[in-house]
PDB file of N, CA and C in Angstrom:
ATOM      1  N   MET A   1       4.191  80.198  35.329  1.00  0.00           N
ATOM      2  CA  MET A   1       2.770  80.320  34.881  1.00  0.00           C
ATOM      3  C   MET A   1       1.974  79.060  35.420  1.00  0.00           C
ATOM      4  N   LYS A   2       0.866  79.296  35.924  1.00  0.00           N
ATOM      5  CA  LYS A   2       0.049  78.205  36.539  1.00  0.00           C
ATOM      6  C   LYS A   2      -0.754  77.545  35.454  1.00  0.00           C
ATOM      7  N   ASN A   3      -0.866  76.215  35.585  1.00  0.00           N
ATOM      8  CA  ASN A   3      -1.671  75.421  34.680  1.00  0.00           C
ATOM      9  C   ASN A   3      -2.963  75.091  35.434  1.00  0.00           C
ATOM     10  N   ILE A   4      -4.092  75.413  34.769  1.00  0.00           N
ATOM     11  CA  ILE A   4      -5.375  75.079  35.376  1.00  0.00           C
ATOM     12  C   ILE A   4      -5.985  73.953  34.496  1.00  0.00           C
ATOM     13  N   PHE A   5      -6.088  72.790  35.049  1.00  0.00           N
ATOM     14  CA  PHE A   5      -6.724  71.687  34.370  1.00  0.00           C
ATOM     15  C   PHE A   5      -8.201  71.597  34.783  1.00  0.00           C
ATOM     16  N   TYR A   6      -9.091  71.595  33.815  1.00  0.00           N
ATOM     17  CA  TYR A   6     -10.426  71.456  34.213  1.00  0.00           C
ATOM     18  C   TYR A   6     -11.218  70.339  33.483  1.00  0.00           C
ATOM     19  N   ASN A   7     -12.203  69.879  34.120  1.00  0.00           N
ATOM     20  CA  ASN A   7     -13.048  68.752  33.569  1.00  0.00           C
ATOM     21  C   ASN A   7     -14.434  69.144  33.805  1.00  0.00           C
ATOM     22  N   VAL A   8     -15.304  68.851  32.787  1.00  0.00           N
ATOM     23  CA  VAL A   8     -16.744  69.080  32.849  1.00  0.00           C
ATOM     24  C   VAL A   8     -17.365  67.770  32.839  1.00  0.00           C
ATOM     25  N   SER A   9     -18.260  67.498  33.791  1.00  0.00           N
ATOM     26  CA  SER A   9     -18.849  66.191  33.925  1.00  0.00           C
ATOM     27  C   SER A   9     -20.232  66.269  34.474  1.00  0.00           C
ATOM     28  N   THR A  10     -20.951  65.133  34.449  1.00  0.00           N
ATOM     29  CA  THR A  10     -22.211  64.896  35.120  1.00  0.00           C
ATOM     30  C   THR A  10     -21.890  64.017  36.374  1.00  0.00           C
ATOM     31  N   LEU A  11     -22.811  63.927  37.277  1.00  0.00           N
ATOM     32  CA  LEU A  11     -22.628  63.096  38.452  1.00  0.00           C
ATOM     33  C   LEU A  11     -22.435  61.684  38.082  1.00  0.00           C
ATOM     34  N   SER A  12     -23.042  61.152  37.017  1.00  0.00           N
ATOM     35  CA  SER A  12     -22.951  59.783  36.621  1.00  0.00           C
ATOM     36  C   SER A  12     -21.534  59.477  36.148  1.00  0.00           C
ATOM     37  N   TYR A  13     -20.809  60.447  35.700  1.00  0.00           N
ATOM     38  CA  TYR A  13     -19.453  60.269  35.186  1.00  0.00           C
ATOM     39  C   TYR A  13     -18.390  60.720  36.244  1.00  0.00           C
ATOM     40  N   LEU A  14     -18.816  61.014  37.482  1.00  0.00           N
ATOM     41  CA  LEU A  14     -17.836  61.446  38.530  1.00  0.00           C
ATOM     42  C   LEU A  14     -16.702  60.467  38.704  1.00  0.00           C
ATOM     43  N   PRO A  15     -16.891  59.111  38.776  1.00  0.00           N
ATOM     44  CA  PRO A  15     -15.754  58.286  38.954  1.00  0.00           C
ATOM     45  C   PRO A  15     -14.681  58.396  37.838  1.00  0.00           C
ATOM     46  N   GLN A  16     -15.211  58.527  36.606  1.00  0.00           N
ATOM     47  CA  GLN A  16     -14.210  58.749  35.465  1.00  0.00           C
ATOM     48  C   GLN A  16     -13.500  60.085  35.592  1.00  0.00           C
ATOM     49  N   ALA A  17     -14.250  61.155  35.989  1.00  0.00           N
ATOM     50  CA  ALA A  17     -13.648  62.458  36.190  1.00  0.00           C
ATOM     51  C   ALA A  17     -12.594  62.444  37.287  1.00  0.00           C
ATOM     52  N   VAL A  18     -12.849  61.737  38.347  1.00  0.00           N
ATOM     53  CA  VAL A  18     -11.950  61.615  39.414  1.00  0.00           C
ATOM     54  C   VAL A  18     -10.639  60.919  38.985  1.00  0.00           C
ATOM     55  N   THR A  19     -10.775  59.867  38.169  1.00  0.00           N
ATOM     56  CA  THR A  19      -9.627  59.116  37.686  1.00  0.00           C
ATOM     57  C   THR A  19      -8.777  60.070  36.838  1.00  0.00           C
ATOM     58  N   CYS A  20      -9.390  60.822  36.003  1.00  0.00           N
ATOM     59  CA  CYS A  20      -8.591  61.865  35.175  1.00  0.00           C
ATOM     60  C   CYS A  20      -7.918  62.781  36.052  1.00  0.00           C
ATOM     61  N   LEU A  21      -8.610  63.424  36.970  1.00  0.00           N
ATOM     62  CA  LEU A  21      -8.097  64.433  37.832  1.00  0.00           C
ATOM     63  C   LEU A  21      -6.950  63.854  38.729  1.00  0.00           C
ATOM     64  N   LYS A  22      -7.138  62.692  39.208  1.00  0.00           N
ATOM     65  CA  LYS A  22      -6.139  62.081  40.095  1.00  0.00           C
ATOM     66  C   LYS A  22      -4.896  61.814  39.310  1.00  0.00           C
ATOM     67  N   SER A  23      -5.047  61.373  38.088  1.00  0.00           N
ATOM     68  CA  SER A  23      -3.834  61.166  37.258  1.00  0.00           C
ATOM     69  C   SER A  23      -3.082  62.439  36.984  1.00  0.00           C
ATOM     70  N   ILE A  24      -3.782  63.536  36.830  1.00  0.00           N
ATOM     71  CA  ILE A  24      -3.123  64.875  36.618  1.00  0.00           C
ATOM     72  C   ILE A  24      -2.406  65.257  37.977  1.00  0.00           C
ATOM     73  N   ASN A  25      -3.105  65.050  39.047  1.00  0.00           N
ATOM     74  CA  ASN A  25      -2.603  65.378  40.309  1.00  0.00           C
ATOM     75  C   ASN A  25      -1.308  64.640  40.652  1.00  0.00           C
ATOM     76  N   ASP A  26      -1.232  63.384  40.266  1.00  0.00           N
ATOM     77  CA  ASP A  26      -0.124  62.572  40.514  1.00  0.00           C
ATOM     78  C   ASP A  26       1.052  62.769  39.626  1.00  0.00           C
ATOM     79  N   THR A  27       0.845  63.443  38.488  1.00  0.00           N
ATOM     80  CA  THR A  27       1.933  63.570  37.460  1.00  0.00           C
ATOM     81  C   THR A  27       2.311  65.004  37.156  1.00  0.00           C
ATOM     82  N   SER A  28       1.561  65.995  37.615  1.00  0.00           N
ATOM     83  CA  SER A  28       1.896  67.389  37.222  1.00  0.00           C
ATOM     84  C   SER A  28       2.193  68.294  38.395  1.00  0.00           C
ATOM     85  N   LYS A  29       3.015  69.220  38.102  1.00  0.00           N
ATOM     86  CA  LYS A  29       3.379  70.226  39.147  1.00  0.00           C
ATOM     87  C   LYS A  29       2.933  71.498  38.727  1.00  0.00           C
ATOM     88  N   ASN A  30       2.821  72.497  39.655  1.00  0.00           N
ATOM     89  CA  ASN A  30       2.332  73.849  39.389  1.00  0.00           C
ATOM     90  C   ASN A  30       0.975  73.796  38.693  1.00  0.00           C
ATOM     91  N   LYS A  31       0.057  73.124  39.258  1.00  0.00           N
ATOM     92  CA  LYS A  31      -1.224  72.950  38.678  1.00  0.00           C
ATOM     93  C   LYS A  31      -2.396  73.281  39.683  1.00  0.00           C
ATOM     94  N   GLU A  32      -3.476  73.566  39.079  1.00  0.00           N
ATOM     95  CA  GLU A  32      -4.727  73.754  39.819  1.00  0.00           C
ATOM     96  C   GLU A  32      -5.739  72.805  39.175  1.00  0.00           C
ATOM     97  N   LEU A  33      -6.572  72.138  39.920  1.00  0.00           N
ATOM     98  CA  LEU A  33      -7.514  71.292  39.428  1.00  0.00           C
ATOM     99  C   LEU A  33      -8.920  71.812  39.597  1.00  0.00           C
ATOM    100  N   MET A  34      -9.769  71.793  38.554  1.00  0.00           N
ATOM    101  CA  MET A  34     -11.142  72.259  38.696  1.00  0.00           C
ATOM    102  C   MET A  34     -12.070  71.207  38.115  1.00  0.00           C
ATOM    103  N   LEU A  35     -13.153  70.942  38.845  1.00  0.00           N
ATOM    104  CA  LEU A  35     -14.161  70.018  38.395  1.00  0.00           C
ATOM    105  C   LEU A  35     -15.483  70.788  38.279  1.00  0.00           C
ATOM    106  N   PHE A  36     -16.109  70.820  37.120  1.00  0.00           N
ATOM    107  CA  PHE A  36     -17.388  71.420  36.849  1.00  0.00           C
ATOM    108  C   PHE A  36     -18.409  70.284  36.764  1.00  0.00           C
ATOM    109  N   LEU A  37     -19.379  70.268  37.664  1.00  0.00           N
ATOM    110  CA  LEU A  37     -20.465  69.259  37.584  1.00  0.00           C
ATOM    111  C   LEU A  37     -21.724  69.936  37.218  1.00  0.00           C
ATOM    112  N   ILE A  38     -22.211  69.662  36.045  1.00  0.00           N
ATOM    113  CA  ILE A  38     -23.325  70.469  35.535  1.00  0.00           C
ATOM    114  C   ILE A  38     -24.704  70.005  35.942  1.00  0.00           C
ATOM    115  N   ASP A  39     -24.800  68.913  36.695  1.00  0.00           N
ATOM    116  CA  ASP A  39     -26.083  68.504  37.134  1.00  0.00           C
ATOM    117  C   ASP A  39     -26.167  68.320  38.654  1.00  0.00           C
ATOM    118  N   VAL A  40     -25.328  69.045  39.351  1.00  0.00           N
ATOM    119  CA  VAL A  40     -25.266  69.024  40.828  1.00  0.00           C
ATOM    120  C   VAL A  40     -25.349  70.409  41.329  1.00  0.00           C
ATOM    121  N   SER A  41     -26.273  70.642  42.304  1.00  0.00           N
ATOM    122  CA  SER A  41     -26.458  71.997  42.853  1.00  0.00           C
ATOM    123  C   SER A  41     -25.606  72.149  44.159  1.00  0.00           C
ATOM    124  N   SER A  42     -25.484  73.322  44.609  1.00  0.00           N
ATOM    125  CA  SER A  42     -24.625  73.653  45.778  1.00  0.00           C
ATOM    126  C   SER A  42     -25.060  72.964  47.034  1.00  0.00           C
ATOM    127  N   LYS A  43     -26.267  72.496  47.165  1.00  0.00           N
ATOM    128  CA  LYS A  43     -26.726  71.769  48.378  1.00  0.00           C
ATOM    129  C   LYS A  43     -26.007  70.397  48.522  1.00  0.00           C
ATOM    130  N   ASP A  44     -25.436  69.924  47.417  1.00  0.00           N
ATOM    131  CA  ASP A  44     -24.670  68.659  47.425  1.00  0.00           C
ATOM    132  C   ASP A  44     -23.181  68.803  47.434  1.00  0.00           C
ATOM    133  N   ARG A  45     -22.730  70.051  47.611  1.00  0.00           N
ATOM    134  CA  ARG A  45     -21.288  70.334  47.541  1.00  0.00           C
ATOM    135  C   ARG A  45     -20.462  69.534  48.482  1.00  0.00           C
ATOM    136  N   LEU A  46     -20.865  69.438  49.809  1.00  0.00           N
ATOM    137  CA  LEU A  46     -20.196  68.778  50.860  1.00  0.00           C
ATOM    138  C   LEU A  46     -19.995  67.266  50.486  1.00  0.00           C
ATOM    139  N   GLN A  47     -21.027  66.661  49.959  1.00  0.00           N
ATOM    140  CA  GLN A  47     -20.941  65.239  49.530  1.00  0.00           C
ATOM    141  C   GLN A  47     -19.801  65.048  48.446  1.00  0.00           C
ATOM    142  N   ILE A  48     -19.810  65.984  47.523  1.00  0.00           N
ATOM    143  CA  ILE A  48     -18.833  65.902  46.411  1.00  0.00           C
ATOM    144  C   ILE A  48     -17.407  66.096  47.033  1.00  0.00           C
ATOM    145  N   GLU A  49     -17.221  67.070  47.863  1.00  0.00           N
ATOM    146  CA  GLU A  49     -15.988  67.353  48.512  1.00  0.00           C
ATOM    147  C   GLU A  49     -15.483  66.099  49.237  1.00  0.00           C
ATOM    148  N   ASN A  50     -16.415  65.491  50.012  1.00  0.00           N
ATOM    149  CA  ASN A  50     -15.978  64.298  50.781  1.00  0.00           C
ATOM    150  C   ASN A  50     -15.597  63.145  49.881  1.00  0.00           C
ATOM    151  N   TYR A  51     -16.272  63.061  48.794  1.00  0.00           N
ATOM    152  CA  TYR A  51     -15.942  61.987  47.807  1.00  0.00           C
ATOM    153  C   TYR A  51     -14.561  62.257  47.210  1.00  0.00           C
ATOM    154  N   LEU A  52     -14.223  63.438  46.816  1.00  0.00           N
ATOM    155  CA  LEU A  52     -12.976  63.820  46.281  1.00  0.00           C
ATOM    156  C   LEU A  52     -11.786  63.592  47.278  1.00  0.00           C
ATOM    157  N   GLN A  53     -12.085  63.881  48.532  1.00  0.00           N
ATOM    158  CA  GLN A  53     -11.058  63.721  49.574  1.00  0.00           C
ATOM    159  C   GLN A  53     -10.616  62.250  49.633  1.00  0.00           C
ATOM    160  N   LYS A  54     -11.478  61.283  49.384  1.00  0.00           N
ATOM    161  CA  LYS A  54     -11.125  59.911  49.474  1.00  0.00           C
ATOM    162  C   LYS A  54      -9.981  59.590  48.478  1.00  0.00           C
ATOM    163  N   PHE A  55      -9.910  60.415  47.394  1.00  0.00           N
ATOM    164  CA  PHE A  55      -8.858  60.133  46.411  1.00  0.00           C
ATOM    165  C   PHE A  55      -7.702  61.112  46.452  1.00  0.00           C
ATOM    166  N   GLY A  56      -7.639  61.882  47.526  1.00  0.00           N
ATOM    167  CA  GLY A  56      -6.516  62.781  47.630  1.00  0.00           C
ATOM    168  C   GLY A  56      -6.687  64.102  46.824  1.00  0.00           C
ATOM    169  N   LEU A  57      -7.938  64.370  46.446  1.00  0.00           N
ATOM    170  CA  LEU A  57      -8.219  65.529  45.605  1.00  0.00           C
ATOM    171  C   LEU A  57      -8.900  66.661  46.406  1.00  0.00           C
ATOM    172  N   HIS A  58      -8.527  66.812  47.633  1.00  0.00           N
ATOM    173  CA  HIS A  58      -9.128  67.806  48.496  1.00  0.00           C
ATOM    174  C   HIS A  58      -8.870  69.249  48.041  1.00  0.00           C
ATOM    175  N   LYS A  59      -7.875  69.505  47.231  1.00  0.00           N
ATOM    176  CA  LYS A  59      -7.579  70.899  46.761  1.00  0.00           C
ATOM    177  C   LYS A  59      -8.328  71.176  45.481  1.00  0.00           C
ATOM    178  N   THR A  60      -8.952  70.226  44.883  1.00  0.00           N
ATOM    179  CA  THR A  60      -9.733  70.399  43.687  1.00  0.00           C
ATOM    180  C   THR A  60     -10.830  71.424  43.862  1.00  0.00           C
ATOM    181  N   LYS A  61     -10.874  72.446  43.044  1.00  0.00           N
ATOM    182  CA  LYS A  61     -11.996  73.408  43.128  1.00  0.00           C
ATOM    183  C   LYS A  61     -13.249  72.771  42.442  1.00  0.00           C
ATOM    184  N   ILE A  62     -14.369  72.788  43.123  1.00  0.00           N
ATOM    185  CA  ILE A  62     -15.585  72.239  42.592  1.00  0.00           C
ATOM    186  C   ILE A  62     -16.458  73.453  42.176  1.00  0.00           C
ATOM    187  N   VAL A  63     -16.939  73.360  40.937  1.00  0.00           N
ATOM    188  CA  VAL A  63     -17.846  74.416  40.456  1.00  0.00           C
ATOM    189  C   VAL A  63     -19.144  73.683  39.976  1.00  0.00           C
ATOM    190  N   LEU A  64     -20.230  74.074  40.556  1.00  0.00           N
ATOM    191  CA  LEU A  64     -21.492  73.449  40.270  1.00  0.00           C
ATOM    192  C   LEU A  64     -22.345  74.379  39.426  1.00  0.00           C
ATOM    193  N   TYR A  65     -23.383  73.881  38.754  1.00  0.00           N
ATOM    194  CA  TYR A  65     -24.073  74.680  37.768  1.00  0.00           C
ATOM    195  C   TYR A  65     -24.641  75.967  38.325  1.00  0.00           C
ATOM    196  N   ASP A  66     -25.033  75.951  39.608  1.00  0.00           N
ATOM    197  CA  ASP A  66     -25.521  77.244  40.177  1.00  0.00           C
ATOM    198  C   ASP A  66     -24.448  78.189  40.582  1.00  0.00           C
ATOM    199  N   ASP A  67     -23.173  77.745  40.549  1.00  0.00           N
ATOM    200  CA  ASP A  67     -22.061  78.659  40.694  1.00  0.00           C
ATOM    201  C   ASP A  67     -21.828  79.529  39.437  1.00  0.00           C
ATOM    202  N   LEU A  68     -22.287  79.020  38.342  1.00  0.00           N
ATOM    203  CA  LEU A  68     -22.120  79.725  37.072  1.00  0.00           C
ATOM    204  C   LEU A  68     -23.337  80.646  36.922  1.00  0.00           C
ATOM    205  N   ILE A  69     -23.442  81.635  37.722  1.00  0.00           N
ATOM    206  CA  ILE A  69     -24.560  82.519  37.823  1.00  0.00           C
ATOM    207  C   ILE A  69     -25.135  82.960  36.505  1.00  0.00           C
ATOM    208  N   SER A  70     -24.251  83.448  35.646  1.00  0.00           N
ATOM    209  CA  SER A  70     -24.719  83.954  34.415  1.00  0.00           C
ATOM    210  C   SER A  70     -25.290  82.955  33.462  1.00  0.00           C
ATOM    211  N   ASP A  71     -24.901  81.656  33.642  1.00  0.00           N
ATOM    212  CA  ASP A  71     -25.320  80.608  32.710  1.00  0.00           C
ATOM    213  C   ASP A  71     -26.214  79.571  33.422  1.00  0.00           C
ATOM    214  N   SER A  72     -26.482  79.665  34.674  1.00  0.00           N
ATOM    215  CA  SER A  72     -27.212  78.635  35.392  1.00  0.00           C
ATOM    216  C   SER A  72     -28.601  78.397  34.866  1.00  0.00           C
ATOM    217  N   LYS A  73     -29.253  79.452  34.418  1.00  0.00           N
ATOM    218  CA  LYS A  73     -30.621  79.297  33.787  1.00  0.00           C
ATOM    219  C   LYS A  73     -30.575  78.500  32.538  1.00  0.00           C
ATOM    220  N   ILE A  74     -29.449  78.793  31.791  1.00  0.00           N
ATOM    221  CA  ILE A  74     -29.338  78.029  30.545  1.00  0.00           C
ATOM    222  C   ILE A  74     -29.210  76.560  30.807  1.00  0.00           C
ATOM    223  N   PHE A  75     -28.439  76.153  31.811  1.00  0.00           N
ATOM    224  CA  PHE A  75     -28.297  74.737  32.128  1.00  0.00           C
ATOM    225  C   PHE A  75     -29.567  74.066  32.624  1.00  0.00           C
ATOM    226  N   LYS A  76     -30.326  74.798  33.459  1.00  0.00           N
ATOM    227  CA  LYS A  76     -31.578  74.247  33.958  1.00  0.00           C
ATOM    228  C   LYS A  76     -32.529  73.979  32.763  1.00  0.00           C
ATOM    229  N   CYS A  77     -32.633  74.883  31.855  1.00  0.00           N
ATOM    230  CA  CYS A  77     -33.507  74.760  30.703  1.00  0.00           C
ATOM    231  C   CYS A  77     -32.966  73.683  29.738  1.00  0.00           C
ATOM    232  N   ALA A  78     -31.663  73.667  29.575  1.00  0.00           N
ATOM    233  CA  ALA A  78     -31.041  72.722  28.599  1.00  0.00           C
ATOM    234  C   ALA A  78     -31.381  71.247  28.868  1.00  0.00           C
ATOM    235  N   PHE A  79     -31.481  70.912  30.157  1.00  0.00           N
ATOM    236  CA  PHE A  79     -31.796  69.549  30.508  1.00  0.00           C
ATOM    237  C   PHE A  79     -33.130  69.054  29.915  1.00  0.00           C
ATOM    238  N   ASN A  80     -34.035  69.969  29.656  1.00  0.00           N
ATOM    239  CA  ASN A  80     -35.359  69.606  29.085  1.00  0.00           C
ATOM    240  C   ASN A  80     -35.245  69.255  27.577  1.00  0.00           C
ATOM    241  N   TYR A  81     -34.114  69.651  26.957  1.00  0.00           N
ATOM    242  CA  TYR A  81     -34.073  69.501  25.484  1.00  0.00           C
ATOM    243  C   TYR A  81     -32.866  68.685  25.007  1.00  0.00           C
ATOM    244  N   PHE A  82     -31.788  68.664  25.793  1.00  0.00           N
ATOM    245  CA  PHE A  82     -30.523  68.077  25.292  1.00  0.00           C
ATOM    246  C   PHE A  82     -30.076  66.980  26.209  1.00  0.00           C
ATOM    247  N   SER A  83     -29.185  66.081  25.669  1.00  0.00           N
ATOM    248  CA  SER A  83     -28.541  65.004  26.398  1.00  0.00           C
ATOM    249  C   SER A  83     -27.492  65.593  27.324  1.00  0.00           C
ATOM    250  N   ALA A  84     -27.090  64.823  28.277  1.00  0.00           N
ATOM    251  CA  ALA A  84     -25.974  65.230  29.151  1.00  0.00           C
ATOM    252  C   ALA A  84     -24.698  65.474  28.398  1.00  0.00           C
ATOM    253  N   LEU A  85     -24.419  64.716  27.371  1.00  0.00           N
ATOM    254  CA  LEU A  85     -23.226  64.915  26.500  1.00  0.00           C
ATOM    255  C   LEU A  85     -23.282  66.261  25.815  1.00  0.00           C
ATOM    256  N   GLU A  86     -24.385  66.639  25.296  1.00  0.00           N
ATOM    257  CA  GLU A  86     -24.619  67.893  24.613  1.00  0.00           C
ATOM    258  C   GLU A  86     -24.422  69.063  25.639  1.00  0.00           C
ATOM    259  N   ILE A  87     -24.923  68.902  26.823  1.00  0.00           N
ATOM    260  CA  ILE A  87     -24.883  69.932  27.801  1.00  0.00           C
ATOM    261  C   ILE A  87     -23.430  70.088  28.290  1.00  0.00           C
ATOM    262  N   CYS A  88     -22.749  69.001  28.461  1.00  0.00           N
ATOM    263  CA  CYS A  88     -21.265  69.097  28.812  1.00  0.00           C
ATOM    264  C   CYS A  88     -20.524  69.833  27.795  1.00  0.00           C
ATOM    265  N   THR A  89     -20.807  69.646  26.492  1.00  0.00           N
ATOM    266  CA  THR A  89     -20.193  70.336  25.446  1.00  0.00           C
ATOM    267  C   THR A  89     -20.401  71.841  25.589  1.00  0.00           C
ATOM    268  N   LEU A  90     -21.631  72.216  25.818  1.00  0.00           N
ATOM    269  CA  LEU A  90     -21.997  73.674  26.102  1.00  0.00           C
ATOM    270  C   LEU A  90     -21.226  74.149  27.299  1.00  0.00           C
ATOM    271  N   ALA A  91     -21.163  73.394  28.342  1.00  0.00           N
ATOM    272  CA  ALA A  91     -20.575  73.796  29.594  1.00  0.00           C
ATOM    273  C   ALA A  91     -19.012  74.038  29.451  1.00  0.00           C
ATOM    274  N   LYS A  92     -18.376  73.343  28.549  1.00  0.00           N
ATOM    275  CA  LYS A  92     -16.914  73.611  28.398  1.00  0.00           C
ATOM    276  C   LYS A  92     -16.675  75.146  28.152  1.00  0.00           C
ATOM    277  N   ILE A  93     -17.452  75.749  27.380  1.00  0.00           N
ATOM    278  CA  ILE A  93     -17.262  77.195  27.131  1.00  0.00           C
ATOM    279  C   ILE A  93     -17.526  78.026  28.341  1.00  0.00           C
ATOM    280  N   SER A  94     -18.599  77.749  29.048  1.00  0.00           N
ATOM    281  CA  SER A  94     -18.987  78.409  30.247  1.00  0.00           C
ATOM    282  C   SER A  94     -17.921  78.258  31.281  1.00  0.00           C
ATOM    283  N   ALA A  95     -17.359  77.009  31.380  1.00  0.00           N
ATOM    284  CA  ALA A  95     -16.294  76.772  32.343  1.00  0.00           C
ATOM    285  C   ALA A  95     -15.083  77.545  32.056  1.00  0.00           C
ATOM    286  N   ALA A  96     -14.646  77.629  30.792  1.00  0.00           N
ATOM    287  CA  ALA A  96     -13.522  78.367  30.442  1.00  0.00           C
ATOM    288  C   ALA A  96     -13.684  79.870  30.726  1.00  0.00           C
ATOM    289  N   LYS A  97     -14.818  80.366  30.430  1.00  0.00           N
ATOM    290  CA  LYS A  97     -15.198  81.771  30.710  1.00  0.00           C
ATOM    291  C   LYS A  97     -15.080  81.995  32.212  1.00  0.00           C
ATOM    292  N   TYR A  98     -15.616  81.111  32.976  1.00  0.00           N
ATOM    293  CA  TYR A  98     -15.556  81.207  34.452  1.00  0.00           C
ATOM    294  C   TYR A  98     -14.089  81.250  34.970  1.00  0.00           C
ATOM    295  N   ILE A  99     -13.314  80.346  34.460  1.00  0.00           N
ATOM    296  CA  ILE A  99     -11.847  80.343  34.896  1.00  0.00           C
ATOM    297  C   ILE A  99     -11.185  81.655  34.465  1.00  0.00           C
ATOM    298  N   LEU A 100     -11.351  82.099  33.329  1.00  0.00           N
ATOM    299  CA  LEU A 100     -10.732  83.339  32.911  1.00  0.00           C
ATOM    300  C   LEU A 100     -11.178  84.542  33.761  1.00  0.00           C
ATOM    301  N   LYS A 101     -12.451  84.586  34.031  1.00  0.00           N
ATOM    302  CA  LYS A 101     -12.979  85.633  34.848  1.00  0.00           C
ATOM    303  C   LYS A 101     -12.389  85.659  36.266  1.00  0.00           C
ATOM    304  N   LYS A 102     -12.208  84.503  36.798  1.00  0.00           N
ATOM    305  CA  LYS A 102     -11.653  84.343  38.176  1.00  0.00           C
ATOM    306  C   LYS A 102     -10.142  84.544  38.240  1.00  0.00           C
ATOM    307  N   ASN A 103      -9.468  84.586  37.129  1.00  0.00           N
ATOM    308  CA  ASN A 103      -8.025  84.712  37.018  1.00  0.00           C
ATOM    309  C   ASN A 103      -7.524  85.779  36.150  1.00  0.00           C
ATOM    310  N   ARG A 104      -8.256  86.893  36.163  1.00  0.00           N
ATOM    311  CA  ARG A 104      -7.967  88.084  35.316  1.00  0.00           C
ATOM    312  C   ARG A 104      -6.560  88.599  35.538  1.00  0.00           C
ATOM    313  N   GLU A 105      -6.132  88.572  36.772  1.00  0.00           N
ATOM    314  CA  GLU A 105      -4.834  89.212  37.097  1.00  0.00           C
ATOM    315  C   GLU A 105      -3.629  88.249  36.948  1.00  0.00           C
ATOM    316  N   ASN A 106      -3.875  86.995  36.637  1.00  0.00           N
ATOM    317  CA  ASN A 106      -2.802  85.958  36.639  1.00  0.00           C
ATOM    318  C   ASN A 106      -2.586  85.499  35.196  1.00  0.00           C
ATOM    319  N   LYS A 107      -1.317  85.151  34.944  1.00  0.00           N
ATOM    320  CA  LYS A 107      -0.939  84.475  33.676  1.00  0.00           C
ATOM    321  C   LYS A 107      -1.254  82.997  33.943  1.00  0.00           C
ATOM    322  N   ILE A 108      -2.113  82.374  33.121  1.00  0.00           N
ATOM    323  CA  ILE A 108      -2.445  80.982  33.262  1.00  0.00           C
ATOM    324  C   ILE A 108      -2.563  80.262  31.954  1.00  0.00           C
ATOM    325  N   ASN A 109      -2.444  78.983  32.037  1.00  0.00           N
ATOM    326  CA  ASN A 109      -2.733  78.150  30.915  1.00  0.00           C
ATOM    327  C   ASN A 109      -4.024  77.350  31.322  1.00  0.00           C
ATOM    328  N   ILE A 110      -4.984  77.300  30.457  1.00  0.00           N
ATOM    329  CA  ILE A 110      -6.167  76.533  30.747  1.00  0.00           C
ATOM    330  C   ILE A 110      -6.152  75.221  29.859  1.00  0.00           C
ATOM    331  N   ILE A 111      -6.323  74.101  30.540  1.00  0.00           N
ATOM    332  CA  ILE A 111      -6.269  72.840  29.825  1.00  0.00           C
ATOM    333  C   ILE A 111      -7.509  72.107  30.111  1.00  0.00           C
ATOM    334  N   TYR A 112      -8.353  71.815  29.086  1.00  0.00           N
ATOM    335  CA  TYR A 112      -9.533  71.025  29.283  1.00  0.00           C
ATOM    336  C   TYR A 112      -9.122  69.582  29.084  1.00  0.00           C
ATOM    337  N   CYS A 113      -9.629  68.823  30.035  1.00  0.00           N
ATOM    338  CA  CYS A 113      -9.381  67.322  29.991  1.00  0.00           C
ATOM    339  C   CYS A 113     -10.680  66.555  30.084  1.00  0.00           C
ATOM    340  N   ASP A 114     -10.967  65.811  29.051  1.00  0.00           N
ATOM    341  CA  ASP A 114     -12.129  64.991  28.999  1.00  0.00           C
ATOM    342  C   ASP A 114     -12.064  63.858  30.026  1.00  0.00           C
ATOM    343  N   THR A 115     -13.171  63.342  30.505  1.00  0.00           N
ATOM    344  CA  THR A 115     -13.164  62.307  31.540  1.00  0.00           C
ATOM    345  C   THR A 115     -12.444  61.011  31.189  1.00  0.00           C
ATOM    346  N   ASP A 116     -12.233  60.774  29.870  1.00  0.00           N
ATOM    347  CA  ASP A 116     -11.617  59.537  29.464  1.00  0.00           C
ATOM    348  C   ASP A 116     -10.126  59.637  29.214  1.00  0.00           C
ATOM    349  N   ILE A 117      -9.543  60.739  29.749  1.00  0.00           N
ATOM    350  CA  ILE A 117      -8.111  60.929  29.597  1.00  0.00           C
ATOM    351  C   ILE A 117      -7.408  60.535  30.877  1.00  0.00           C
ATOM    352  N   TYR A 118      -6.267  59.822  30.697  1.00  0.00           N
ATOM    353  CA  TYR A 118      -5.436  59.447  31.876  1.00  0.00           C
ATOM    354  C   TYR A 118      -3.989  59.829  31.566  1.00  0.00           C
ATOM    355  N   PHE A 119      -3.370  60.586  32.569  1.00  0.00           N
ATOM    356  CA  PHE A 119      -1.994  61.054  32.353  1.00  0.00           C
ATOM    357  C   PHE A 119      -1.034  60.087  33.061  1.00  0.00           C
ATOM    358  N   PHE A 120       0.099  59.856  32.423  1.00  0.00           N
ATOM    359  CA  PHE A 120       1.150  59.003  32.900  1.00  0.00           C
ATOM    360  C   PHE A 120       2.407  59.859  33.085  1.00  0.00           C
ATOM    361  N   ASN A 121       3.312  59.424  33.959  1.00  0.00           N
ATOM    362  CA  ASN A 121       4.540  60.091  34.265  1.00  0.00           C
ATOM    363  C   ASN A 121       5.662  59.058  34.046  1.00  0.00           C
ATOM    364  N   GLU A 122       6.599  59.378  33.198  1.00  0.00           N
ATOM    365  CA  GLU A 122       7.707  58.477  32.937  1.00  0.00           C
ATOM    366  C   GLU A 122       8.928  58.904  33.659  1.00  0.00           C
TER     367      GLU A 122
END
């Protein structure tokens, strides 16, 4: 069974998200990494991919708010009313729904990891 680790972040917390994802990458097997950035649009995807490559995270799947077609309007409007923290909380559910939809045929474990988590291997 595949483990899908995912993180929801804003661009300002990208360094912390990378630290979390890199620690998972370095300590876990049979995993897929996903990074959901809720305040970055697809026009900036290449920049994010290049940044992740610097840390050996080139296989990380990047999902941006406009990739979440059914919920993208919600995120655009939410920034007028809520803090980034509140929007990230909302996005955790949208991200899980997205992962489940993309993996309907597979048996998977979905593991949400906050940006302040670091994994160790003994």
